[in-house]
C-alpha atoms as a PDB file:
ATOM      1  CA  UNK A   1      22.001 -10.341   0.712  1.00  0.00           C
ATOM      2  CA  UNK A   2      23.007  -7.208  -1.173  1.00  0.00           C
ATOM      3  CA  UNK A   3      25.318  -4.668   0.321  1.00  0.00           C
ATOM      4  CA  UNK A   4      25.752  -0.989  -0.436  1.00  0.00           C
ATOM      5  CA  UNK A   5      28.608   0.737   1.335  1.00  0.00           C
ATOM      6  CA  UNK A   6      28.815  -2.279   3.645  1.00  0.00           C
ATOM      7  CA  UNK A   7      25.183  -1.967   4.749  1.00  0.00           C
ATOM      8  CA  UNK A   8      22.530  -4.584   4.029  1.00  0.00           C
ATOM      9  CA  UNK A   9      19.429  -2.827   2.716  1.00  0.00           C
ATOM     10  CA  UNK A  10      17.184  -5.827   3.356  1.00  0.00           C
ATOM     11  CA  UNK A  11      16.981  -5.211   7.080  1.00  0.00           C
ATOM     12  CA  UNK A  12      15.457  -1.765   6.446  1.00  0.00           C
ATOM     13  CA  UNK A  13      12.668  -3.012   4.158  1.00  0.00           C
ATOM     14  CA  UNK A  14       9.099  -2.754   5.370  1.00  0.00           C
ATOM     15  CA  UNK A  15       6.687  -5.662   4.868  1.00  0.00           C
ATOM     16  CA  UNK A  16       3.619  -5.087   2.699  1.00  0.00           C
ATOM     17  CA  UNK A  17       0.565  -4.942   4.940  1.00  0.00           C
ATOM     18  CA  UNK A  18      -1.800  -5.423   1.981  1.00  0.00           C
ATOM     19  CA  UNK A  19      -0.115  -8.673   1.062  1.00  0.00           C
ATOM     20  CA  UNK A  20       0.025  -9.746   4.703  1.00  0.00           C
ATOM     21  CA  UNK A  21      -3.668  -9.148   5.442  1.00  0.00           C
ATOM     22  CA  UNK A  22      -5.377  -9.441   2.039  1.00  0.00           C
ATOM     23  CA  UNK A  23      -3.064 -11.894   0.309  1.00  0.00           C
ATOM     24  CA  UNK A  24      -2.231  -9.934  -2.845  1.00  0.00           C
ATOM     25  CA  UNK A  25       0.398  -7.391  -3.879  1.00  0.00           C
ATOM     26  CA  UNK A  26      -0.340  -3.698  -3.500  1.00  0.00           C
ATOM     27  CA  UNK A  27       0.526  -1.197  -6.269  1.00  0.00           C
ATOM     28  CA  UNK A  28       3.815  -0.429  -4.493  1.00  0.00           C
ATOM     29  CA  UNK A  29       4.953  -4.012  -3.974  1.00  0.00           C
ATOM     30  CA  UNK A  30       8.436  -4.537  -5.341  1.00  0.00           C
ATOM     31  CA  UNK A  31       9.499  -0.893  -5.088  1.00  0.00           C
ATOM     32  CA  UNK A  32      11.929  -1.388  -2.196  1.00  0.00           C
ATOM     33  CA  UNK A  33      13.587  -4.396  -3.813  1.00  0.00           C
ATOM     34  CA  UNK A  34      13.741  -2.545  -7.146  1.00  0.00           C
ATOM     35  CA  UNK A  35      15.555   0.349  -5.441  1.00  0.00           C
ATOM     36  CA  UNK A  36      17.952  -2.163  -3.913  1.00  0.00           C
ATOM     37  CA  UNK A  37      18.650  -3.703  -7.326  1.00  0.00           C
ATOM     38  CA  UNK A  38      19.066  -0.233  -8.860  1.00  0.00           C
ATOM     39  CA  UNK A  39      21.505   0.933  -6.169  1.00  0.00           C
ATOM     40  CA  UNK A  40      23.526  -2.241  -6.669  1.00  0.00           C
ATOM     41  CA  UNK A  41      23.681  -1.661 -10.440  1.00  0.00           C
ATOM     42  CA  UNK A  42      21.317  -4.460 -11.532  1.00  0.00           C
ATOM     43  CA  UNK A  43      19.132  -2.212 -13.684  1.00  0.00           C
ATOM     44  CA  UNK A  44      17.310  -4.971 -15.574  1.00  0.00           C
ATOM     45  CA  UNK A  45      16.347  -6.755 -12.340  1.00  0.00           C
ATOM     46  CA  UNK A  46      15.110  -3.410 -10.985  1.00  0.00           C
ATOM     47  CA  UNK A  47      12.921  -2.952 -14.056  1.00  0.00           C
ATOM     48  CA  UNK A  48      11.533  -6.478 -13.834  1.00  0.00           C
ATOM     49  CA  UNK A  49      10.797  -6.039 -10.136  1.00  0.00           C
ATOM     50  CA  UNK A  50       9.060  -2.651 -10.444  1.00  0.00           C
ATOM     51  CA  UNK A  51       8.845  -1.115 -13.941  1.00  0.00           C
ATOM     52  CA  UNK A  52       7.530   2.206 -12.605  1.00  0.00           C
ATOM     53  CA  UNK A  53      10.866   2.885 -10.920  1.00  0.00           C
ATOM     54  CA  UNK A  54      12.376   4.514 -14.001  1.00  0.00           C
ATOM     55  CA  UNK A  55       9.593   6.974 -14.840  1.00  0.00           C
ATOM     56  CA  UNK A  56       9.369   7.730 -11.115  1.00  0.00           C
ATOM     57  CA  UNK A  57      13.093   8.533 -10.943  1.00  0.00           C
ATOM     58  CA  UNK A  58      12.821  10.664 -14.066  1.00  0.00           C
ATOM     59  CA  UNK A  59       9.800  12.461 -12.593  1.00  0.00           C
ATOM     60  CA  UNK A  60      11.757  13.217  -9.426  1.00  0.00           C
ATOM     61  CA  UNK A  61      14.657  14.551 -11.486  1.00  0.00           C
ATOM     62  CA  UNK A  62      12.386  16.841 -13.542  1.00  0.00           C
ATOM     63  CA  UNK A  63      10.628  18.072 -10.396  1.00  0.00           C
ATOM     64  CA  UNK A  64      14.079  18.928  -9.021  1.00  0.00           C
ATOM     65  CA  UNK A  65      14.935  20.759 -12.236  1.00  0.00           C
ATOM     66  CA  UNK A  66      11.671  22.680 -12.010  1.00  0.00           C
ATOM     67  CA  UNK A  67      12.478  23.670  -8.442  1.00  0.00           C
ATOM     68  CA  UNK A  68      16.044  24.837  -9.016  1.00  0.00           C
ATOM     69  CA  UNK A  69      16.159  25.793 -12.716  1.00  0.00           C
ATOM     70  CA  UNK A  70      13.456  28.432 -12.708  1.00  0.00           C
ATOM     71  CA  UNK A  71      14.128  29.863 -16.179  1.00  0.00           C
ATOM     72  CA  UNK A  72      12.303  26.955 -17.837  1.00  0.00           C
ATOM     73  CA  UNK A  73       8.754  25.805 -17.080  1.00  0.00           C
ATOM     74  CA  UNK A  74       8.755  22.027 -16.716  1.00  0.00           C
ATOM     75  CA  UNK A  75       5.043  21.658 -15.877  1.00  0.00           C
ATOM     76  CA  UNK A  76       4.155  19.874 -19.134  1.00  0.00           C
ATOM     77  CA  UNK A  77       6.965  17.385 -18.631  1.00  0.00           C
ATOM     78  CA  UNK A  78       5.941  16.828 -15.026  1.00  0.00           C
ATOM     79  CA  UNK A  79       2.348  16.094 -16.046  1.00  0.00           C
ATOM     80  CA  UNK A  80       3.405  13.661 -18.773  1.00  0.00           C
ATOM     81  CA  UNK A  81       5.843  11.879 -16.468  1.00  0.00           C
ATOM     82  CA  UNK A  82       3.279  11.748 -13.647  1.00  0.00           C
ATOM     83  CA  UNK A  83       0.764  10.171 -16.033  1.00  0.00           C
ATOM     84  CA  UNK A  84       3.390   7.714 -17.277  1.00  0.00           C
ATOM     85  CA  UNK A  85       4.384   6.807 -13.724  1.00  0.00           C
ATOM     86  CA  UNK A  86       0.805   6.176 -12.616  1.00  0.00           C
ATOM     87  CA  UNK A  87       0.191   4.190 -15.808  1.00  0.00           C
ATOM     88  CA  UNK A  88       3.230   1.990 -15.156  1.00  0.00           C
ATOM     89  CA  UNK A  89       2.188   1.465 -11.535  1.00  0.00           C
ATOM     90  CA  UNK A  90      -1.370   0.471 -12.450  1.00  0.00           C
ATOM     91  CA  UNK A  91      -0.329  -1.701 -15.390  1.00  0.00           C
ATOM     92  CA  UNK A  92       2.160  -3.559 -13.204  1.00  0.00           C
ATOM     93  CA  UNK A  93      -0.442  -3.937 -10.416  1.00  0.00           C
ATOM     94  CA  UNK A  94      -3.095  -5.399 -12.724  1.00  0.00           C
ATOM     95  CA  UNK A  95      -0.535  -7.608 -14.460  1.00  0.00           C
ATOM     96  CA  UNK A  96       0.434  -9.093 -11.081  1.00  0.00           C
ATOM     97  CA  UNK A  97      -3.247  -9.651 -10.263  1.00  0.00           C
ATOM     98  CA  UNK A  98      -3.927 -11.677 -13.408  1.00  0.00           C
ATOM     99  CA  UNK A  99      -0.782 -13.828 -13.466  1.00  0.00           C
END
């Protein structure tokens, strides 16, 4: 069990309904555990669990910049990062399906 600020994150995790009813991982499977690894400083385990976590975090950061730093237009970066994030999610999903 991993703890952050004395709180176990595992008890807040939601079960995957796709895996429960259909028997295979959904495109988001592993995200919650990857966040837990990331918060606890195990960055490599977070990447192995859900590789899309890093482009997703970067996308969120750039969206925040776009919202609050209005002198620069970040739309091109947002589009590239959104494409990269979706690509990572789909690649990871199909990889899990074939292994």
